[in-house]
Amino acid sequence: MMGDKEELVRGREASDDDAVTTSYQTEELRGYLLKKTRNGKWQKRWFETNGCFLTYYKKQGQKLLAALNLPQVGEIVTLPEDTEDGPGLFSIELNERIYTIKAKNQDEAKLWVEALVWRQQGGLVTQDDLSHLDVPMNDEDALDTPIPTVLPPSTTTLDTTNEAAPRTGCAPCCVIQ
C-alpha cells in the first residue's frame, strides 16, 4: 500500500520510477484528486479507473465510496484555470449536476479527462473490473445524491455471447445486467 502518495499512478503497482509514457488505454489510472462538495469545500479522495468505471475512496485501500459507470455519465471536460480554484480542474456531468474535480495540474487533468472519455466511449473492460465493485450508498462521502449508474456486484455480469441482447456496457462485448 502506498499511503498518501500524491502523484498520479498508472498500472497495477506503484513505484517512484513510474514512467509518464504508460498509456491509459492499456493500464488503469489511479491517484489522489480533490472533489468539490456542494458547499464549495474540497475533499481529497483516491480515484481509480476500473474498466469503464471511475471509482473513488476516502483513502487508498479503504472501502469504495462510489462507482460511476462512465458510458452512462454526461460530458467530461477539462475546465479553464480558475483564479480561485487554480489549475487542474475538470468536470463530470451526472444526473443534471456538474461535479468538479481538481488534479495536481492542467496536464494531469487533461490525462484524466482523456482516459475517462476513452472509457466512456467504449474503452476496455474486464469481468474482474466489474466483479470487485461493492458500492455503499449510505455513506456521507458518496456523491451526495443517489446514482442510478452505480451497479452493485450482484447485478453486474458480462455476457460475451452473440445473442441479440440490448448492449449497455462500455465495450461491444459487454452487457451489464
C-alpha atoms as a PDB file:
ATOM      1  CA  MET A   1       0.000   0.000   0.000  1.00  0.00           C
ATOM      2  CA  MET A   2       1.264   3.446  -0.916  1.00  0.00           C
ATOM      3  CA  GLY A   3      -0.408   5.539   1.769  1.00  0.00           C
ATOM      4  CA  ASP A   4      -0.995   9.178   0.837  1.00  0.00           C
ATOM      5  CA  LYS A   5       1.345   9.285  -2.158  1.00  0.00           C
ATOM      6  CA  GLU A   6       0.301  12.368  -4.144  1.00  0.00           C
ATOM      7  CA  GLU A   7       1.354  11.646  -7.697  1.00  0.00           C
ATOM      8  CA  LEU A   8      -0.745  10.008 -10.368  1.00  0.00           C
ATOM      9  CA  VAL A   9      -0.130   6.285 -10.696  1.00  0.00           C
ATOM     10  CA  ARG A  10      -0.692   4.212 -13.800  1.00  0.00           C
ATOM     11  CA  GLY A  11      -0.944   0.455 -13.811  1.00  0.00           C
ATOM     12  CA  ARG A  12      -1.348  -2.102 -11.086  1.00  0.00           C
ATOM     13  CA  GLU A  13       1.707  -1.348  -8.932  1.00  0.00           C
ATOM     14  CA  ALA A  14       3.187   1.976  -7.924  1.00  0.00           C
ATOM     15  CA  SER A  15       6.837   2.854  -7.630  1.00  0.00           C
ATOM     16  CA  ASP A  16       8.876   6.030  -7.531  1.00  0.00           C
ATOM     17  CA  ASP A  17      10.132   5.460 -11.086  1.00  0.00           C
ATOM     18  CA  ASP A  18       6.713   5.109 -12.792  1.00  0.00           C
ATOM     19  CA  ALA A  19       7.036   6.313 -16.381  1.00  0.00           C
ATOM     20  CA  VAL A  20       4.721   9.025 -17.675  1.00  0.00           C
ATOM     21  CA  THR A  21       4.670   7.291 -21.052  1.00  0.00           C
ATOM     22  CA  THR A  22       2.321   4.500 -19.887  1.00  0.00           C
ATOM     23  CA  SER A  23      -0.901   4.515 -21.916  1.00  0.00           C
ATOM     24  CA  TYR A  24      -4.256   4.941 -20.174  1.00  0.00           C
ATOM     25  CA  GLN A  25      -5.653   2.637 -22.866  1.00  0.00           C
ATOM     26  CA  THR A  26      -3.717  -0.364 -21.569  1.00  0.00           C
ATOM     27  CA  GLU A  27      -3.451   0.406 -17.859  1.00  0.00           C
ATOM     28  CA  GLU A  28      -5.695   1.941 -15.235  1.00  0.00           C
ATOM     29  CA  LEU A  29      -5.183   5.439 -13.781  1.00  0.00           C
ATOM     30  CA  ARG A  30      -5.052   5.870 -10.004  1.00  0.00           C
ATOM     31  CA  GLY A  31      -4.286   8.749  -7.725  1.00  0.00           C
ATOM     32  CA  TYR A  32      -5.442  11.383  -5.289  1.00  0.00           C
ATOM     33  CA  LEU A  33      -7.695  14.104  -6.652  1.00  0.00           C
ATOM     34  CA  LEU A  34      -9.830  16.726  -4.947  1.00  0.00           C
ATOM     35  CA  LYS A  35     -13.628  16.582  -5.279  1.00  0.00           C
ATOM     36  CA  LYS A  36     -15.585  19.795  -4.726  1.00  0.00           C
ATOM     37  CA  THR A  37     -18.586  19.433  -2.419  1.00  0.00           C
ATOM     38  CA  ARG A  38     -21.934  21.186  -2.843  1.00  0.00           C
ATOM     39  CA  ASN A  39     -20.857  23.801  -0.290  1.00  0.00           C
ATOM     40  CA  GLY A  40     -17.646  24.583  -2.184  1.00  0.00           C
ATOM     41  CA  LYS A  41     -15.166  22.732   0.018  1.00  0.00           C
ATOM     42  CA  TRP A  42     -12.580  20.337  -1.399  1.00  0.00           C
ATOM     43  CA  GLN A  43     -12.353  16.684  -0.309  1.00  0.00           C
ATOM     44  CA  LYS A  44      -9.206  14.686  -1.013  1.00  0.00           C
ATOM     45  CA  ARG A  45     -10.187  11.295  -2.469  1.00  0.00           C
ATOM     46  CA  TRP A  46      -8.375   8.328  -4.028  1.00  0.00           C
ATOM     47  CA  PHE A  47      -9.695   7.843  -7.598  1.00  0.00           C
ATOM     48  CA  GLU A  48      -9.189   4.838  -9.879  1.00  0.00           C
ATOM     49  CA  THR A  49     -10.321   3.835 -13.321  1.00  0.00           C
ATOM     50  CA  ASN A  50     -11.645   0.273 -13.244  1.00  0.00           C
ATOM     51  CA  GLY A  51     -12.591  -0.738 -16.776  1.00  0.00           C
ATOM     52  CA  CYS A  52     -15.497   1.511 -17.734  1.00  0.00           C
ATOM     53  CA  PHE A  53     -15.964   2.693 -14.141  1.00  0.00           C
ATOM     54  CA  LEU A  54     -14.481   5.622 -12.253  1.00  0.00           C
ATOM     55  CA  THR A  55     -14.315   4.639  -8.596  1.00  0.00           C
ATOM     56  CA  TYR A  56     -13.271   6.648  -5.601  1.00  0.00           C
ATOM     57  CA  TYR A  57     -12.437   6.076  -1.968  1.00  0.00           C
ATOM     58  CA  LYS A  58     -11.765   8.276   1.059  1.00  0.00           C
ATOM     59  CA  LYS A  59      -8.194   6.905   1.064  1.00  0.00           C
ATOM     60  CA  GLN A  60      -6.361   4.281  -0.959  1.00  0.00           C
ATOM     61  CA  GLY A  61      -7.240   0.791   0.254  1.00  0.00           C
ATOM     62  CA  GLN A  62     -10.387   1.858   2.117  1.00  0.00           C
ATOM     63  CA  LYS A  63     -13.980   0.982   1.269  1.00  0.00           C
ATOM     64  CA  LEU A  64     -15.459   2.153  -2.003  1.00  0.00           C
ATOM     65  CA  LEU A  65     -17.495   5.358  -1.756  1.00  0.00           C
ATOM     66  CA  ALA A  66     -18.882   5.455  -5.302  1.00  0.00           C
ATOM     67  CA  ALA A  67     -18.522   3.931  -8.748  1.00  0.00           C
ATOM     68  CA  LEU A  68     -19.579   5.849 -11.837  1.00  0.00           C
ATOM     69  CA  ASN A  69     -20.436   3.826 -14.934  1.00  0.00           C
ATOM     70  CA  LEU A  70     -18.729   6.132 -17.430  1.00  0.00           C
ATOM     71  CA  PRO A  71     -20.839   5.237 -20.503  1.00  0.00           C
ATOM     72  CA  GLN A  72     -23.860   6.478 -18.547  1.00  0.00           C
ATOM     73  CA  VAL A  73     -22.488   9.852 -17.397  1.00  0.00           C
ATOM     74  CA  GLY A  74     -22.757  13.049 -19.405  1.00  0.00           C
ATOM     75  CA  GLU A  75     -19.997  15.380 -20.534  1.00  0.00           C
ATOM     76  CA  ILE A  76     -16.467  15.008 -19.124  1.00  0.00           C
ATOM     77  CA  VAL A  77     -14.304  18.078 -19.844  1.00  0.00           C
ATOM     78  CA  THR A  78     -11.259  19.980 -18.645  1.00  0.00           C
ATOM     79  CA  LEU A  79     -12.030  23.431 -17.293  1.00  0.00           C
ATOM     80  CA  PRO A  80     -10.043  26.639 -17.789  1.00  0.00           C
ATOM     81  CA  GLU A  81      -7.803  27.724 -14.945  1.00  0.00           C
ATOM     82  CA  ASP A  82      -9.889  29.377 -12.257  1.00  0.00           C
ATOM     83  CA  THR A  83      -8.356  32.251 -10.292  1.00  0.00           C
ATOM     84  CA  GLU A  84      -9.967  31.000  -7.084  1.00  0.00           C
ATOM     85  CA  ASP A  85      -9.516  27.233  -7.517  1.00  0.00           C
ATOM     86  CA  GLY A  86      -6.335  27.244  -9.611  1.00  0.00           C
ATOM     87  CA  PRO A  87      -5.312  24.933 -12.465  1.00  0.00           C
ATOM     88  CA  GLY A  88      -6.056  21.250 -12.960  1.00  0.00           C
ATOM     89  CA  LEU A  89      -9.843  21.376 -12.954  1.00  0.00           C
ATOM     90  CA  PHE A  90     -12.181  19.062 -14.836  1.00  0.00           C
ATOM     91  CA  SER A  91     -15.856  18.241 -14.554  1.00  0.00           C
ATOM     92  CA  ILE A  92     -18.134  15.237 -14.861  1.00  0.00           C
ATOM     93  CA  GLU A  93     -21.827  15.731 -15.602  1.00  0.00           C
ATOM     94  CA  LEU A  94     -24.017  13.251 -13.754  1.00  0.00           C
ATOM     95  CA  ASN A  95     -27.778  13.377 -13.335  1.00  0.00           C
ATOM     96  CA  GLU A  96     -28.040  17.055 -14.330  1.00  0.00           C
ATOM     97  CA  ARG A  97     -25.351  18.007 -11.804  1.00  0.00           C
ATOM     98  CA  ILE A  98     -21.782  19.015 -12.542  1.00  0.00           C
ATOM     99  CA  TYR A  99     -19.072  17.521 -10.328  1.00  0.00           C
ATOM    100  CA  THR A 100     -15.824  19.471 -10.231  1.00  0.00           C
ATOM    101  CA  ILE A 101     -12.589  17.546  -9.727  1.00  0.00           C
ATOM    102  CA  LYS A 102      -9.127  19.037  -9.221  1.00  0.00           C
ATOM    103  CA  ALA A 103      -5.888  17.364 -10.294  1.00  0.00           C
ATOM    104  CA  LYS A 104      -2.367  18.493  -9.406  1.00  0.00           C
ATOM    105  CA  ASN A 105      -2.012  20.488 -12.644  1.00  0.00           C
ATOM    106  CA  GLN A 106      -3.619  21.068 -16.045  1.00  0.00           C
ATOM    107  CA  ASP A 107      -1.645  18.266 -17.749  1.00  0.00           C
ATOM    108  CA  GLU A 108      -2.786  15.715 -15.174  1.00  0.00           C
ATOM    109  CA  ALA A 109      -6.390  16.922 -15.507  1.00  0.00           C
ATOM    110  CA  LYS A 110      -6.156  16.532 -19.279  1.00  0.00           C
ATOM    111  CA  LEU A 111      -4.824  12.979 -18.881  1.00  0.00           C
ATOM    112  CA  TRP A 112      -7.693  12.030 -16.563  1.00  0.00           C
ATOM    113  CA  VAL A 113     -10.258  13.536 -18.945  1.00  0.00           C
ATOM    114  CA  GLU A 114      -8.768  11.714 -21.949  1.00  0.00           C
ATOM    115  CA  ALA A 115      -8.769   8.423 -20.037  1.00  0.00           C
ATOM    116  CA  LEU A 116     -12.326   8.878 -18.775  1.00  0.00           C
ATOM    117  CA  VAL A 117     -13.711   9.919 -22.163  1.00  0.00           C
ATOM    118  CA  TRP A 118     -11.935   6.975 -23.812  1.00  0.00           C
ATOM    119  CA  ARG A 119     -13.591   4.588 -21.343  1.00  0.00           C
ATOM    120  CA  GLN A 120     -16.918   6.408 -21.687  1.00  0.00           C
ATOM    121  CA  GLN A 121     -16.825   5.806 -25.446  1.00  0.00           C
ATOM    122  CA  GLY A 122     -16.149   2.076 -25.231  1.00  0.00           C
ATOM    123  CA  GLY A 123     -12.720   1.534 -23.699  1.00  0.00           C
ATOM    124  CA  LEU A 124     -11.519  -1.721 -22.221  1.00  0.00           C
ATOM    125  CA  VAL A 125     -13.446  -3.594 -19.546  1.00  0.00           C
ATOM    126  CA  THR A 126     -12.835  -6.987 -17.987  1.00  0.00           C
ATOM    127  CA  GLN A 127     -15.013  -9.188 -15.810  1.00  0.00           C
ATOM    128  CA  ASP A 128     -12.528  -8.661 -12.967  1.00  0.00           C
ATOM    129  CA  ASP A 129     -13.091  -4.890 -13.223  1.00  0.00           C
ATOM    130  CA  LEU A 130     -16.793  -5.373 -12.594  1.00  0.00           C
ATOM    131  CA  SER A 131     -16.761  -8.236 -10.103  1.00  0.00           C
ATOM    132  CA  HIS A 132     -14.986  -6.493  -7.216  1.00  0.00           C
ATOM    133  CA  LEU A 133     -17.145  -3.350  -7.020  1.00  0.00           C
ATOM    134  CA  ASP A 134     -19.052  -3.087  -3.739  1.00  0.00           C
ATOM    135  CA  VAL A 135     -20.821   0.249  -3.577  1.00  0.00           C
ATOM    136  CA  PRO A 136     -22.374   1.541  -0.343  1.00  0.00           C
ATOM    137  CA  MET A 137     -24.976   4.228  -0.984  1.00  0.00           C
ATOM    138  CA  ASN A 138     -25.485   5.399   2.608  1.00  0.00           C
ATOM    139  CA  ASP A 139     -22.049   6.956   3.113  1.00  0.00           C
ATOM    140  CA  GLU A 140     -21.995  10.735   3.521  1.00  0.00           C
ATOM    141  CA  ASP A 141     -18.839  10.865   1.388  1.00  0.00           C
ATOM    142  CA  ALA A 142     -20.660   9.494  -1.664  1.00  0.00           C
ATOM    143  CA  LEU A 143     -21.617  11.859  -4.475  1.00  0.00           C
ATOM    144  CA  ASP A 144     -24.410  13.485  -2.413  1.00  0.00           C
ATOM    145  CA  THR A 145     -27.273  12.041  -4.490  1.00  0.00           C
ATOM    146  CA  PRO A 146     -28.457   8.533  -5.343  1.00  0.00           C
ATOM    147  CA  ILE A 147     -26.713   7.433  -8.520  1.00  0.00           C
ATOM    148  CA  PRO A 148     -28.546   5.090 -10.872  1.00  0.00           C
ATOM    149  CA  THR A 149     -25.269   4.448 -12.677  1.00  0.00           C
ATOM    150  CA  VAL A 150     -23.802   2.685  -9.632  1.00  0.00           C
ATOM    151  CA  LEU A 151     -24.066  -1.060 -10.020  1.00  0.00           C
ATOM    152  CA  PRO A 152     -23.508  -3.421  -7.065  1.00  0.00           C
ATOM    153  CA  PRO A 153     -21.673  -6.652  -7.948  1.00  0.00           C
ATOM    154  CA  SER A 154     -24.774  -8.808  -7.548  1.00  0.00           C
ATOM    155  CA  THR A 155     -26.368  -7.112 -10.579  1.00  0.00           C
ATOM    156  CA  THR A 156     -23.294  -6.882 -12.778  1.00  0.00           C
ATOM    157  CA  THR A 157     -22.295  -9.644 -15.182  1.00  0.00           C
ATOM    158  CA  LEU A 158     -20.581  -9.898 -18.514  1.00  0.00           C
ATOM    159  CA  ASP A 159     -22.222 -11.614 -21.459  1.00  0.00           C
ATOM    160  CA  THR A 160     -19.785 -12.400 -24.253  1.00  0.00           C
ATOM    161  CA  THR A 161     -22.219 -14.427 -26.349  1.00  0.00           C
ATOM    162  CA  ASN A 162     -23.545 -13.228 -29.686  1.00  0.00           C
ATOM    163  CA  GLU A 163     -27.176 -13.285 -28.543  1.00  0.00           C
ATOM    164  CA  ALA A 164     -29.294 -10.346 -29.662  1.00  0.00           C
ATOM    165  CA  ALA A 165     -29.470  -8.639 -26.273  1.00  0.00           C
ATOM    166  CA  PRO A 166     -29.513  -4.867 -25.863  1.00  0.00           C
ATOM    167  CA  ARG A 167     -25.988  -3.542 -25.376  1.00  0.00           C
ATOM    168  CA  THR A 168     -25.493  -1.154 -22.476  1.00  0.00           C
ATOM    169  CA  GLY A 169     -21.929  -1.964 -21.454  1.00  0.00           C
ATOM    170  CA  CYS A 170     -18.815   0.055 -22.094  1.00  0.00           C
ATOM    171  CA  ALA A 171     -17.438  -2.298 -24.732  1.00  0.00           C
ATOM    172  CA  PRO A 172     -19.193  -4.048 -27.637  1.00  0.00           C
ATOM    173  CA  CYS A 173     -18.700  -7.425 -25.953  1.00  0.00           C
ATOM    174  CA  CYS A 174     -20.319  -6.384 -22.674  1.00  0.00           C
ATOM    175  CA  VAL A 175     -23.856  -6.423 -21.430  1.00  0.00           C
ATOM    176  CA  ILE A 176     -24.356  -5.096 -17.934  1.00  0.00           C
ATOM    177  CA  GLN A 177     -27.310  -6.920 -16.417  1.00  0.00           C
END
